[in-house]
């Protein structure tokens, strides 16, 4: 029987892991920018369990819902809402959520805080944080998310990074993106380094932000 696993991971990592662990398995891999659908044909039941275990940390679905639909469905099921603060992604993550019918039940707001002044004025990021750690840092990402939290916000997600092609340094290369998922229950901060051109990096960051939001809900609510 066919087995479908939807993954938030790089294509290289998926292919490498399959070649290392189960080189004889036949599969089809479709997608891009950290969002892939992995399909196995004629898989035995015992192998299905092995496949699930192999990708248990990266999997988000079985082919029935997109990543954004998975997040909206989970938020709605848990009775939660979400707000996003985006810098380098420029609203892409918010747009993915809003594209889902019924998103109005769970999506509170999305803020594109691109400049440092916007991060200060709209999200209460400390001037000292930007001066000492920089706009692309885990400290700034956490403060951006915390700036969204209010009594009526259950989960806040922030994204800040270097999308390129200019602006990278040895310490903070192009592709470096910090994503924070913050609730009253917990603060998660994720450091990512994505490959690709500017738009690909932005799409990868947006997809990962949605995936981290899904993981945060599953782990902390």
N, C-alpha and C. Protein backbone atom coordinates (compact mmCIF):
# COMPACT_ATOMS: atom_id res chain seq x y z
N UNK A 1 0.84 -1.19 0.00
CA UNK A 1 0.00 0.00 0.00
C UNK A 1 0.88 1.25 0.00
N UNK A 2 0.33 2.34 -0.49
CA UNK A 2 1.10 3.58 -0.55
C UNK A 2 1.19 4.23 0.83
N UNK A 3 2.32 4.86 1.08
CA UNK A 3 2.55 5.56 2.34
C UNK A 3 3.02 6.96 2.02
N UNK A 4 2.35 7.98 2.59
CA UNK A 4 2.70 9.37 2.34
C UNK A 4 3.12 10.02 3.65
N UNK A 5 4.27 10.69 3.62
CA UNK A 5 4.75 11.45 4.77
C UNK A 5 5.12 12.85 4.30
N UNK A 6 4.55 13.86 4.94
CA UNK A 6 4.90 15.24 4.61
C UNK A 6 5.94 15.74 5.61
N UNK A 7 7.00 16.33 5.07
CA UNK A 7 8.16 16.66 5.88
C UNK A 7 8.57 18.11 5.74
N UNK A 8 9.06 18.67 6.82
CA UNK A 8 9.69 19.97 6.79
C UNK A 8 11.18 19.73 7.02
N UNK A 9 11.93 19.64 5.92
CA UNK A 9 13.35 19.31 5.95
C UNK A 9 13.95 19.65 4.60
N UNK A 10 15.26 19.57 4.49
CA UNK A 10 15.89 19.80 3.20
C UNK A 10 15.80 18.54 2.34
N UNK A 11 15.78 18.73 1.05
CA UNK A 11 15.76 17.59 0.14
C UNK A 11 17.00 16.73 0.33
N UNK A 12 18.14 17.39 0.53
CA UNK A 12 19.40 16.67 0.70
C UNK A 12 19.36 15.77 1.92
N UNK A 13 18.79 16.26 3.02
CA UNK A 13 18.74 15.47 4.24
C UNK A 13 17.81 14.28 4.08
N UNK A 14 16.68 14.46 3.42
CA UNK A 14 15.74 13.36 3.21
C UNK A 14 16.38 12.27 2.36
N UNK A 15 16.98 12.65 1.25
CA UNK A 15 17.61 11.68 0.34
C UNK A 15 18.77 10.98 1.03
N UNK A 16 19.58 11.73 1.76
CA UNK A 16 20.73 11.15 2.45
C UNK A 16 20.30 10.13 3.49
N UNK A 17 19.28 10.46 4.26
CA UNK A 17 18.83 9.56 5.32
C UNK A 17 18.25 8.27 4.74
N UNK A 18 17.49 8.39 3.67
CA UNK A 18 16.93 7.20 3.04
C UNK A 18 18.02 6.32 2.44
N UNK A 19 19.01 6.94 1.80
CA UNK A 19 20.09 6.17 1.20
C UNK A 19 20.92 5.46 2.26
N UNK A 20 21.06 6.07 3.40
CA UNK A 20 21.87 5.49 4.47
C UNK A 20 21.13 4.37 5.20
N UNK A 21 19.84 4.58 5.46
CA UNK A 21 19.09 3.64 6.31
C UNK A 21 18.31 2.59 5.52
N UNK A 22 17.72 2.99 4.41
CA UNK A 22 16.88 2.07 3.65
C UNK A 22 17.11 2.26 2.15
N UNK A 23 18.29 1.91 1.66
CA UNK A 23 18.64 2.18 0.25
C UNK A 23 17.78 1.43 -0.75
N UNK A 24 17.11 0.35 -0.35
CA UNK A 24 16.32 -0.44 -1.30
C UNK A 24 14.90 0.07 -1.46
N UNK A 25 14.48 1.02 -0.63
CA UNK A 25 13.11 1.51 -0.72
C UNK A 25 12.92 2.38 -1.96
N UNK A 26 11.82 2.16 -2.66
CA UNK A 26 11.47 3.01 -3.81
C UNK A 26 10.54 4.12 -3.32
N UNK A 27 10.80 5.35 -3.76
CA UNK A 27 10.00 6.47 -3.29
C UNK A 27 9.95 7.58 -4.33
N UNK A 28 9.01 8.51 -4.11
CA UNK A 28 8.91 9.73 -4.93
C UNK A 28 8.92 10.91 -3.98
N UNK A 29 9.72 11.92 -4.31
CA UNK A 29 9.86 13.10 -3.45
C UNK A 29 9.46 14.34 -4.24
N UNK A 30 8.47 15.08 -3.73
CA UNK A 30 7.97 16.28 -4.41
C UNK A 30 7.91 17.44 -3.43
N UNK A 31 8.15 18.65 -3.95
CA UNK A 31 8.06 19.84 -3.12
C UNK A 31 9.27 20.73 -3.31
N UNK A 32 9.38 21.72 -2.43
CA UNK A 32 10.52 22.62 -2.46
C UNK A 32 10.55 23.44 -1.17
N UNK A 33 11.68 24.06 -0.93
CA UNK A 33 11.81 25.06 0.14
C UNK A 33 11.37 24.54 1.51
N UNK A 34 11.92 23.38 1.90
CA UNK A 34 11.70 22.78 3.21
C UNK A 34 10.34 22.11 3.38
N UNK A 35 9.52 22.07 2.34
CA UNK A 35 8.20 21.46 2.43
C UNK A 35 8.10 20.37 1.36
N UNK A 36 8.20 19.10 1.78
CA UNK A 36 8.26 17.99 0.83
C UNK A 36 7.24 16.92 1.16
N UNK A 37 6.73 16.28 0.10
CA UNK A 37 5.85 15.12 0.23
C UNK A 37 6.62 13.89 -0.24
N UNK A 38 6.78 12.94 0.67
CA UNK A 38 7.52 11.71 0.42
C UNK A 38 6.52 10.57 0.27
N UNK A 39 6.51 9.92 -0.90
CA UNK A 39 5.54 8.87 -1.17
C UNK A 39 6.26 7.55 -1.44
N UNK A 40 5.87 6.53 -0.71
CA UNK A 40 6.36 5.17 -0.92
C UNK A 40 5.24 4.34 -1.53
N UNK A 41 5.56 3.49 -2.49
CA UNK A 41 4.58 2.61 -3.12
C UNK A 41 4.72 1.19 -2.61
N UNK A 42 3.59 0.53 -2.42
CA UNK A 42 3.57 -0.88 -2.04
C UNK A 42 4.44 -1.15 -0.82
N UNK A 43 4.23 -0.39 0.21
CA UNK A 43 5.02 -0.53 1.43
C UNK A 43 4.33 -1.46 2.42
N UNK A 44 5.11 -2.35 3.01
CA UNK A 44 4.58 -3.25 4.03
C UNK A 44 4.28 -2.47 5.32
N UNK A 45 3.36 -2.99 6.12
CA UNK A 45 2.95 -2.30 7.34
C UNK A 45 4.13 -2.10 8.28
N UNK A 46 4.99 -3.09 8.41
CA UNK A 46 6.14 -2.96 9.31
C UNK A 46 7.12 -1.90 8.81
N UNK A 47 7.22 -1.75 7.48
CA UNK A 47 8.09 -0.72 6.92
C UNK A 47 7.50 0.67 7.11
N UNK A 48 6.17 0.77 7.13
CA UNK A 48 5.53 2.06 7.38
C UNK A 48 5.95 2.61 8.74
N UNK A 49 5.98 1.75 9.72
CA UNK A 49 6.40 2.17 11.05
C UNK A 49 7.85 2.61 11.07
N UNK A 50 8.69 1.92 10.33
CA UNK A 50 10.10 2.30 10.24
C UNK A 50 10.26 3.67 9.57
N UNK A 51 9.46 3.91 8.54
CA UNK A 51 9.51 5.20 7.84
C UNK A 51 9.06 6.32 8.76
N UNK A 52 8.02 6.08 9.53
CA UNK A 52 7.55 7.10 10.47
C UNK A 52 8.61 7.41 11.52
N UNK A 53 9.27 6.38 12.02
CA UNK A 53 10.32 6.58 13.02
C UNK A 53 11.52 7.33 12.44
N UNK A 54 11.83 7.05 11.18
CA UNK A 54 12.98 7.67 10.53
C UNK A 54 12.82 9.18 10.43
N UNK A 55 11.57 9.64 10.24
CA UNK A 55 11.32 11.07 10.04
C UNK A 55 10.37 11.64 11.10
N UNK A 56 10.38 11.07 12.28
CA UNK A 56 9.40 11.48 13.29
C UNK A 56 9.57 12.93 13.71
N UNK A 57 10.78 13.47 13.67
CA UNK A 57 10.99 14.85 14.10
C UNK A 57 10.66 15.86 13.01
N UNK A 58 10.65 15.43 11.75
CA UNK A 58 10.41 16.35 10.64
C UNK A 58 9.01 16.23 10.03
N UNK A 59 8.26 15.21 10.40
CA UNK A 59 6.97 14.95 9.77
C UNK A 59 5.88 15.83 10.35
N UNK A 60 4.96 16.27 9.48
CA UNK A 60 3.81 17.04 9.97
C UNK A 60 2.48 16.53 9.43
N UNK A 61 2.48 15.60 8.47
CA UNK A 61 1.21 15.16 7.92
C UNK A 61 1.32 13.91 7.08
N UNK A 62 0.17 13.47 6.57
CA UNK A 62 0.09 12.25 5.75
C UNK A 62 -0.52 12.50 4.38
N UNK A 63 -0.42 13.71 3.91
CA UNK A 63 -0.90 14.03 2.57
C UNK A 63 -2.29 14.60 2.51
N UNK A 64 -2.97 14.68 3.64
CA UNK A 64 -4.34 15.18 3.63
C UNK A 64 -4.41 16.70 3.70
N UNK A 65 -3.47 17.33 4.42
CA UNK A 65 -3.48 18.78 4.62
C UNK A 65 -2.12 19.37 4.29
N UNK A 66 -2.11 20.61 3.81
CA UNK A 66 -0.86 21.33 3.61
C UNK A 66 -0.29 21.73 4.97
N UNK A 67 0.92 22.25 4.97
CA UNK A 67 1.53 22.70 6.22
C UNK A 67 0.71 23.81 6.85
N UNK A 68 0.29 24.78 6.07
CA UNK A 68 -0.53 25.88 6.60
C UNK A 68 -1.87 25.37 7.10
N UNK A 69 -2.50 24.45 6.36
CA UNK A 69 -3.77 23.87 6.79
C UNK A 69 -3.60 23.08 8.08
N UNK A 70 -2.48 22.39 8.20
CA UNK A 70 -2.19 21.63 9.42
C UNK A 70 -2.13 22.56 10.62
N UNK A 71 -1.45 23.70 10.46
CA UNK A 71 -1.33 24.66 11.55
C UNK A 71 -2.69 25.26 11.91
N UNK A 72 -3.45 25.70 10.91
CA UNK A 72 -4.76 26.30 11.17
C UNK A 72 -5.69 25.29 11.83
N UNK A 73 -5.68 24.06 11.34
CA UNK A 73 -6.53 23.02 11.91
C UNK A 73 -6.16 22.74 13.37
N UNK A 74 -4.87 22.71 13.66
CA UNK A 74 -4.41 22.44 15.02
C UNK A 74 -4.77 23.60 15.96
N UNK A 75 -4.56 24.82 15.49
CA UNK A 75 -4.94 25.98 16.29
C UNK A 75 -6.43 25.97 16.61
N UNK A 76 -7.23 25.69 15.59
CA UNK A 76 -8.67 25.67 15.77
C UNK A 76 -9.09 24.56 16.73
N UNK A 77 -8.49 23.40 16.61
CA UNK A 77 -8.82 22.27 17.47
C UNK A 77 -8.49 22.59 18.94
N UNK A 78 -7.36 23.26 19.16
CA UNK A 78 -6.93 23.58 20.52
C UNK A 78 -7.58 24.85 21.05
N UNK A 79 -8.30 25.57 20.21
CA UNK A 79 -8.92 26.82 20.64
C UNK A 79 -7.91 27.93 20.86
N UNK A 80 -6.88 27.98 20.01
CA UNK A 80 -5.80 28.95 20.16
C UNK A 80 -5.79 29.93 19.00
N UNK A 81 -5.11 31.07 19.20
CA UNK A 81 -4.85 31.98 18.09
C UNK A 81 -3.36 32.26 18.00
N UNK A 82 -2.97 32.89 16.90
CA UNK A 82 -1.56 33.09 16.61
C UNK A 82 -1.34 34.49 16.04
N UNK A 83 -0.16 35.04 16.32
CA UNK A 83 0.27 36.31 15.73
C UNK A 83 1.71 36.14 15.26
N UNK A 84 2.07 36.82 14.18
CA UNK A 84 3.40 36.70 13.62
C UNK A 84 4.07 38.06 13.50
N UNK A 85 5.37 38.07 13.77
CA UNK A 85 6.21 39.24 13.51
C UNK A 85 7.30 38.80 12.54
N UNK A 86 7.30 39.38 11.35
CA UNK A 86 8.23 38.94 10.31
C UNK A 86 9.15 40.08 9.89
N UNK A 87 10.39 39.73 9.67
CA UNK A 87 11.35 40.68 9.13
C UNK A 87 11.75 40.24 7.73
N UNK A 88 12.71 39.32 7.62
CA UNK A 88 13.23 38.95 6.30
C UNK A 88 12.19 38.27 5.41
N UNK A 89 11.18 37.63 5.98
CA UNK A 89 10.16 36.96 5.17
C UNK A 89 9.10 37.92 4.65
N UNK A 90 9.02 39.11 5.19
CA UNK A 90 8.16 40.15 4.63
C UNK A 90 6.69 39.81 4.54
N UNK A 91 6.19 38.95 5.43
CA UNK A 91 4.77 38.62 5.42
C UNK A 91 4.44 37.31 4.74
N UNK A 92 5.44 36.58 4.24
CA UNK A 92 5.17 35.32 3.54
C UNK A 92 4.50 34.29 4.44
N UNK A 93 4.97 34.18 5.68
CA UNK A 93 4.40 33.20 6.59
C UNK A 93 2.95 33.54 6.92
N UNK A 94 2.69 34.82 7.15
CA UNK A 94 1.31 35.25 7.40
C UNK A 94 0.42 34.96 6.21
N UNK A 95 0.93 35.20 5.02
CA UNK A 95 0.15 34.96 3.81
C UNK A 95 -0.20 33.49 3.65
N UNK A 96 0.72 32.59 4.02
CA UNK A 96 0.44 31.16 3.94
C UNK A 96 -0.72 30.79 4.85
N UNK A 97 -0.73 31.35 6.04
CA UNK A 97 -1.81 31.06 6.98
C UNK A 97 -3.13 31.62 6.47
N UNK A 98 -3.11 32.87 6.01
CA UNK A 98 -4.33 33.54 5.58
C UNK A 98 -4.91 32.90 4.33
N UNK A 99 -4.10 32.18 3.57
CA UNK A 99 -4.61 31.50 2.37
C UNK A 99 -5.54 30.34 2.70
N UNK A 100 -5.54 29.92 3.95
CA UNK A 100 -6.36 28.77 4.37
C UNK A 100 -7.76 29.25 4.76
N UNK A 101 -8.83 28.69 4.18
CA UNK A 101 -10.19 29.04 4.62
C UNK A 101 -10.37 28.76 6.10
N UNK A 102 -10.97 29.70 6.79
CA UNK A 102 -11.16 29.55 8.23
C UNK A 102 -10.03 30.11 9.06
N UNK A 103 -9.02 30.67 8.41
CA UNK A 103 -7.88 31.22 9.15
C UNK A 103 -8.31 32.38 10.05
N UNK A 104 -9.39 33.05 9.69
CA UNK A 104 -9.83 34.18 10.50
C UNK A 104 -10.22 33.77 11.92
N UNK A 105 -10.48 32.49 12.13
CA UNK A 105 -10.83 32.00 13.46
C UNK A 105 -9.61 31.93 14.38
N UNK A 106 -8.40 31.88 13.79
CA UNK A 106 -7.20 31.64 14.60
C UNK A 106 -6.09 32.66 14.39
N UNK A 107 -6.16 33.42 13.30
CA UNK A 107 -5.08 34.36 12.98
C UNK A 107 -5.41 35.74 13.51
N UNK A 108 -4.61 36.23 14.47
CA UNK A 108 -4.88 37.52 15.09
C UNK A 108 -4.29 38.66 14.28
N UNK A 109 -2.98 38.58 13.99
CA UNK A 109 -2.35 39.65 13.20
C UNK A 109 -0.98 39.20 12.72
N UNK A 110 -0.51 39.90 11.70
CA UNK A 110 0.85 39.73 11.22
C UNK A 110 1.48 41.09 11.04
N UNK A 111 2.67 41.27 11.59
CA UNK A 111 3.38 42.54 11.49
C UNK A 111 4.70 42.32 10.75
N UNK A 112 4.94 43.12 9.71
CA UNK A 112 6.23 43.09 9.03
C UNK A 112 7.08 44.20 9.62
N UNK A 113 7.93 43.84 10.55
CA UNK A 113 8.81 44.80 11.22
C UNK A 113 10.19 44.69 10.58
N UNK A 114 10.36 45.37 9.45
CA UNK A 114 11.57 45.18 8.65
C UNK A 114 12.75 46.00 9.17
N UNK A 115 12.50 47.25 9.51
CA UNK A 115 13.58 48.12 9.98
C UNK A 115 13.79 47.96 11.48
N UNK A 116 14.94 48.39 11.95
CA UNK A 116 15.19 48.37 13.39
C UNK A 116 14.21 49.26 14.13
N UNK A 117 13.90 50.43 13.55
CA UNK A 117 12.96 51.33 14.21
C UNK A 117 11.59 50.71 14.37
N UNK A 118 11.17 49.94 13.35
CA UNK A 118 9.88 49.26 13.46
C UNK A 118 9.91 48.21 14.56
N UNK A 119 11.01 47.49 14.67
CA UNK A 119 11.13 46.50 15.73
C UNK A 119 11.04 47.16 17.11
N UNK A 120 11.61 48.35 17.21
CA UNK A 120 11.57 49.08 18.48
C UNK A 120 10.17 49.63 18.74
N UNK A 121 9.60 50.30 17.73
CA UNK A 121 8.34 51.01 17.93
C UNK A 121 7.14 50.06 18.00
N UNK A 122 7.12 49.04 17.17
CA UNK A 122 5.94 48.18 17.08
C UNK A 122 6.02 46.95 17.97
N UNK A 123 7.25 46.50 18.29
CA UNK A 123 7.38 45.24 19.01
C UNK A 123 8.14 45.38 20.33
N UNK A 124 8.51 46.60 20.67
CA UNK A 124 9.19 46.88 21.94
C UNK A 124 10.52 46.15 22.08
N UNK A 125 11.19 45.91 20.96
CA UNK A 125 12.55 45.38 21.03
C UNK A 125 13.45 46.45 21.63
N UNK A 126 14.28 46.06 22.56
CA UNK A 126 15.15 47.02 23.23
C UNK A 126 16.25 47.53 22.31
N UNK A 127 16.51 48.83 22.40
CA UNK A 127 17.59 49.44 21.62
C UNK A 127 18.91 48.74 21.94
N UNK A 128 19.11 48.42 23.19
CA UNK A 128 20.35 47.77 23.63
C UNK A 128 20.49 46.38 23.01
N UNK A 129 19.38 45.69 22.82
CA UNK A 129 19.42 44.36 22.21
C UNK A 129 19.89 44.45 20.77
N UNK A 130 19.34 45.41 20.04
CA UNK A 130 19.75 45.60 18.65
C UNK A 130 21.20 46.05 18.55
N UNK A 131 21.60 46.88 19.48
CA UNK A 131 22.98 47.38 19.47
C UNK A 131 23.97 46.27 19.82
N UNK A 132 23.66 45.47 20.83
CA UNK A 132 24.61 44.48 21.33
C UNK A 132 24.55 43.15 20.57
N UNK A 133 23.36 42.75 20.14
CA UNK A 133 23.21 41.44 19.51
C UNK A 133 22.90 41.51 18.03
N UNK A 134 22.35 42.65 17.59
CA UNK A 134 22.00 42.81 16.19
C UNK A 134 20.58 42.40 15.89
N UNK A 135 20.09 42.85 14.74
CA UNK A 135 18.71 42.53 14.35
C UNK A 135 18.54 41.04 14.07
N UNK A 136 19.59 40.41 13.57
CA UNK A 136 19.55 38.97 13.31
C UNK A 136 20.23 38.26 14.46
N UNK A 137 19.45 37.88 15.44
CA UNK A 137 19.98 37.23 16.65
C UNK A 137 18.84 36.55 17.37
N UNK A 138 19.18 35.60 18.21
CA UNK A 138 18.13 34.93 18.97
C UNK A 138 17.50 35.88 19.98
N UNK A 139 18.30 36.80 20.51
CA UNK A 139 17.76 37.76 21.47
C UNK A 139 16.69 38.64 20.84
N UNK A 140 16.97 39.14 19.63
CA UNK A 140 15.99 39.98 18.95
C UNK A 140 14.76 39.18 18.55
N UNK A 141 14.95 37.97 18.07
CA UNK A 141 13.81 37.13 17.68
C UNK A 141 12.87 36.90 18.87
N UNK A 142 13.44 36.63 20.03
CA UNK A 142 12.62 36.39 21.22
C UNK A 142 11.88 37.66 21.63
N UNK A 143 12.57 38.80 21.59
CA UNK A 143 11.91 40.05 21.96
C UNK A 143 10.83 40.43 20.95
N UNK A 144 11.04 40.13 19.68
CA UNK A 144 10.01 40.39 18.67
C UNK A 144 8.75 39.59 18.98
N UNK A 145 8.93 38.31 19.31
CA UNK A 145 7.78 37.47 19.63
C UNK A 145 7.11 37.92 20.92
N UNK A 146 7.91 38.23 21.91
CA UNK A 146 7.35 38.69 23.18
C UNK A 146 6.58 39.99 23.02
N UNK A 147 6.99 40.81 22.04
CA UNK A 147 6.29 42.06 21.78
C UNK A 147 4.88 41.85 21.25
N UNK A 148 4.60 40.66 20.73
CA UNK A 148 3.26 40.36 20.23
C UNK A 148 2.35 39.79 21.31
N UNK A 149 2.96 39.16 22.31
CA UNK A 149 2.15 38.47 23.31
C UNK A 149 1.27 39.46 24.08
N UNK A 150 0.03 39.07 24.24
CA UNK A 150 -0.92 39.85 25.02
C UNK A 150 -1.90 38.88 25.64
N UNK A 151 -2.83 39.37 26.41
CA UNK A 151 -3.77 38.49 27.09
C UNK A 151 -4.61 37.68 26.12
N UNK A 152 -4.76 38.19 24.89
CA UNK A 152 -5.59 37.48 23.92
C UNK A 152 -4.78 36.81 22.82
N UNK A 153 -3.46 36.67 23.01
CA UNK A 153 -2.60 35.99 22.05
C UNK A 153 -2.05 34.74 22.71
N UNK A 154 -2.32 33.56 22.11
CA UNK A 154 -1.83 32.32 22.69
C UNK A 154 -0.42 31.98 22.23
N UNK A 155 -0.12 32.24 20.96
CA UNK A 155 1.17 31.87 20.39
C UNK A 155 1.67 32.98 19.48
N UNK A 156 2.91 33.40 19.72
CA UNK A 156 3.55 34.42 18.87
C UNK A 156 4.79 33.82 18.23
N UNK A 157 4.95 34.08 16.93
CA UNK A 157 6.08 33.56 16.17
C UNK A 157 6.79 34.72 15.50
N UNK A 158 8.10 34.74 15.57
CA UNK A 158 8.87 35.81 14.93
C UNK A 158 9.95 35.21 14.03
N UNK A 159 10.32 35.98 13.01
CA UNK A 159 11.32 35.55 12.03
C UNK A 159 12.25 36.72 11.74
N UNK A 160 13.55 36.52 11.89
CA UNK A 160 14.52 37.55 11.53
C UNK A 160 15.77 36.87 10.97
N UNK A 161 16.28 37.38 9.84
CA UNK A 161 17.42 36.71 9.23
C UNK A 161 18.06 37.52 8.12
N UNK A 162 19.04 36.89 7.48
CA UNK A 162 19.78 37.50 6.37
C UNK A 162 19.39 36.74 5.10
N UNK A 163 18.54 37.35 4.28
CA UNK A 163 18.06 36.67 3.08
C UNK A 163 19.01 36.86 1.90
N UNK A 164 19.89 37.87 1.96
CA UNK A 164 20.86 38.08 0.90
C UNK A 164 20.26 38.82 -0.30
N UNK A 165 21.00 38.89 -1.38
CA UNK A 165 22.34 38.31 -1.54
C UNK A 165 23.44 39.09 -0.83
N UNK A 166 23.17 40.37 -0.46
CA UNK A 166 24.14 41.12 0.32
C UNK A 166 23.80 41.03 1.80
N UNK A 167 24.71 41.54 2.62
CA UNK A 167 24.44 41.66 4.04
C UNK A 167 25.02 40.58 4.91
N UNK A 168 25.55 39.52 4.32
CA UNK A 168 26.11 38.45 5.12
C UNK A 168 27.53 38.75 5.59
N UNK A 169 27.89 38.16 6.71
CA UNK A 169 29.25 38.26 7.25
C UNK A 169 29.70 36.87 7.66
N UNK A 170 30.96 36.74 8.06
CA UNK A 170 31.45 35.45 8.53
C UNK A 170 30.66 34.98 9.75
N UNK A 171 30.31 35.92 10.61
CA UNK A 171 29.58 35.59 11.82
C UNK A 171 28.11 35.35 11.55
N UNK A 172 27.55 36.12 10.61
CA UNK A 172 26.13 35.99 10.27
C UNK A 172 26.00 35.89 8.75
N UNK A 173 26.15 34.68 8.22
CA UNK A 173 26.15 34.50 6.77
C UNK A 173 24.77 34.63 6.16
N UNK A 174 24.73 34.83 4.85
CA UNK A 174 23.46 34.79 4.12
C UNK A 174 22.81 33.43 4.36
N UNK A 175 21.53 33.46 4.68
CA UNK A 175 20.81 32.23 4.97
C UNK A 175 20.57 32.00 6.44
N UNK A 176 21.25 32.78 7.29
CA UNK A 176 21.04 32.65 8.73
C UNK A 176 19.70 33.24 9.11
N UNK A 177 18.86 32.46 9.76
CA UNK A 177 17.53 32.91 10.17
C UNK A 177 17.23 32.38 11.57
N UNK A 178 16.77 33.28 12.44
CA UNK A 178 16.30 32.88 13.77
C UNK A 178 14.78 32.93 13.77
N UNK A 179 14.17 31.89 14.31
CA UNK A 179 12.72 31.81 14.41
C UNK A 179 12.36 31.50 15.86
N UNK A 180 11.53 32.35 16.46
CA UNK A 180 11.10 32.15 17.84
C UNK A 180 9.61 31.82 17.85
N UNK A 181 9.24 30.87 18.69
CA UNK A 181 7.84 30.54 18.95
C UNK A 181 7.64 30.67 20.46
N UNK A 182 6.79 31.61 20.85
CA UNK A 182 6.69 31.98 22.26
C UNK A 182 5.23 31.95 22.71
N UNK A 183 5.01 31.35 23.86
CA UNK A 183 3.71 31.36 24.52
C UNK A 183 3.95 31.56 26.01
N UNK A 184 2.88 31.68 26.77
CA UNK A 184 3.05 31.79 28.21
C UNK A 184 3.68 30.53 28.79
N UNK A 185 3.48 29.42 28.10
CA UNK A 185 4.00 28.15 28.58
C UNK A 185 5.49 27.97 28.35
N UNK A 186 6.00 28.50 27.22
CA UNK A 186 7.38 28.16 26.85
C UNK A 186 7.90 29.11 25.78
N UNK A 187 9.22 29.20 25.69
CA UNK A 187 9.89 29.95 24.63
C UNK A 187 10.80 28.99 23.86
N UNK A 188 10.56 28.87 22.56
CA UNK A 188 11.42 28.07 21.67
C UNK A 188 12.16 29.03 20.74
N UNK A 189 13.46 28.81 20.59
CA UNK A 189 14.24 29.61 19.64
C UNK A 189 15.03 28.66 18.75
N UNK A 190 14.96 28.89 17.45
CA UNK A 190 15.58 27.98 16.48
C UNK A 190 16.52 28.77 15.58
N UNK A 191 17.73 28.27 15.44
CA UNK A 191 18.72 28.85 14.52
C UNK A 191 18.77 27.99 13.27
N UNK A 192 18.62 28.62 12.11
CA UNK A 192 18.64 27.91 10.84
C UNK A 192 19.63 28.58 9.90
N UNK A 193 20.24 27.79 9.04
CA UNK A 193 21.05 28.33 7.94
C UNK A 193 20.55 27.67 6.66
N UNK A 194 19.87 28.46 5.84
CA UNK A 194 19.27 27.96 4.61
C UNK A 194 20.18 28.25 3.42
N UNK A 195 20.14 27.36 2.43
CA UNK A 195 20.84 27.57 1.17
C UNK A 195 19.86 28.06 0.11
N UNK A 196 20.38 28.74 -0.91
CA UNK A 196 19.54 29.18 -2.01
C UNK A 196 19.60 30.67 -2.24
N UNK A 197 18.80 31.14 -3.21
CA UNK A 197 18.75 32.57 -3.48
C UNK A 197 17.84 33.27 -2.47
N UNK A 198 17.70 34.56 -2.62
CA UNK A 198 16.96 35.36 -1.65
C UNK A 198 15.52 34.86 -1.46
N UNK A 199 14.82 34.65 -2.56
CA UNK A 199 13.42 34.25 -2.44
C UNK A 199 13.28 32.84 -1.88
N UNK A 200 14.19 31.95 -2.23
CA UNK A 200 14.15 30.60 -1.69
C UNK A 200 14.40 30.61 -0.18
N UNK A 201 15.35 31.40 0.26
CA UNK A 201 15.63 31.51 1.69
C UNK A 201 14.40 32.03 2.43
N UNK A 202 13.74 33.01 1.85
CA UNK A 202 12.54 33.57 2.49
C UNK A 202 11.42 32.53 2.56
N UNK A 203 11.24 31.76 1.49
CA UNK A 203 10.19 30.73 1.50
C UNK A 203 10.52 29.62 2.50
N UNK A 204 11.78 29.23 2.54
CA UNK A 204 12.18 28.21 3.51
C UNK A 204 11.93 28.68 4.94
N UNK A 205 12.27 29.92 5.21
CA UNK A 205 12.06 30.46 6.56
C UNK A 205 10.58 30.51 6.91
N UNK A 206 9.75 30.90 5.96
CA UNK A 206 8.31 30.96 6.21
C UNK A 206 7.75 29.58 6.52
N UNK A 207 8.14 28.58 5.72
CA UNK A 207 7.67 27.22 5.95
C UNK A 207 8.14 26.70 7.31
N UNK A 208 9.39 26.95 7.65
CA UNK A 208 9.91 26.48 8.92
C UNK A 208 9.21 27.15 10.09
N UNK A 209 8.85 28.41 9.93
CA UNK A 209 8.14 29.11 11.00
C UNK A 209 6.80 28.44 11.28
N UNK A 210 6.08 28.07 10.22
CA UNK A 210 4.82 27.36 10.41
C UNK A 210 5.04 26.00 11.06
N UNK A 211 6.08 25.31 10.63
CA UNK A 211 6.37 24.00 11.21
C UNK A 211 6.72 24.12 12.70
N UNK A 212 7.55 25.11 13.04
CA UNK A 212 7.89 25.30 14.45
C UNK A 212 6.66 25.67 15.28
N UNK A 213 5.73 26.40 14.68
CA UNK A 213 4.49 26.72 15.39
C UNK A 213 3.69 25.44 15.67
N UNK A 214 3.62 24.55 14.68
CA UNK A 214 2.93 23.27 14.87
C UNK A 214 3.60 22.49 16.01
N UNK A 215 4.93 22.42 15.98
CA UNK A 215 5.65 21.68 17.00
C UNK A 215 5.45 22.29 18.39
N UNK A 216 5.44 23.61 18.45
CA UNK A 216 5.25 24.29 19.74
C UNK A 216 3.88 23.94 20.34
N UNK A 217 2.86 23.94 19.51
CA UNK A 217 1.52 23.61 20.00
C UNK A 217 1.47 22.17 20.50
N UNK A 218 2.04 21.25 19.72
CA UNK A 218 2.02 19.84 20.12
C UNK A 218 2.79 19.59 21.40
N UNK A 219 3.86 20.34 21.62
CA UNK A 219 4.72 20.10 22.76
C UNK A 219 4.33 20.85 24.02
N UNK A 220 3.61 21.97 23.87
CA UNK A 220 3.42 22.84 25.03
C UNK A 220 1.97 23.21 25.34
N UNK A 221 1.02 22.73 24.56
CA UNK A 221 -0.39 23.01 24.86
C UNK A 221 -1.14 21.70 25.11
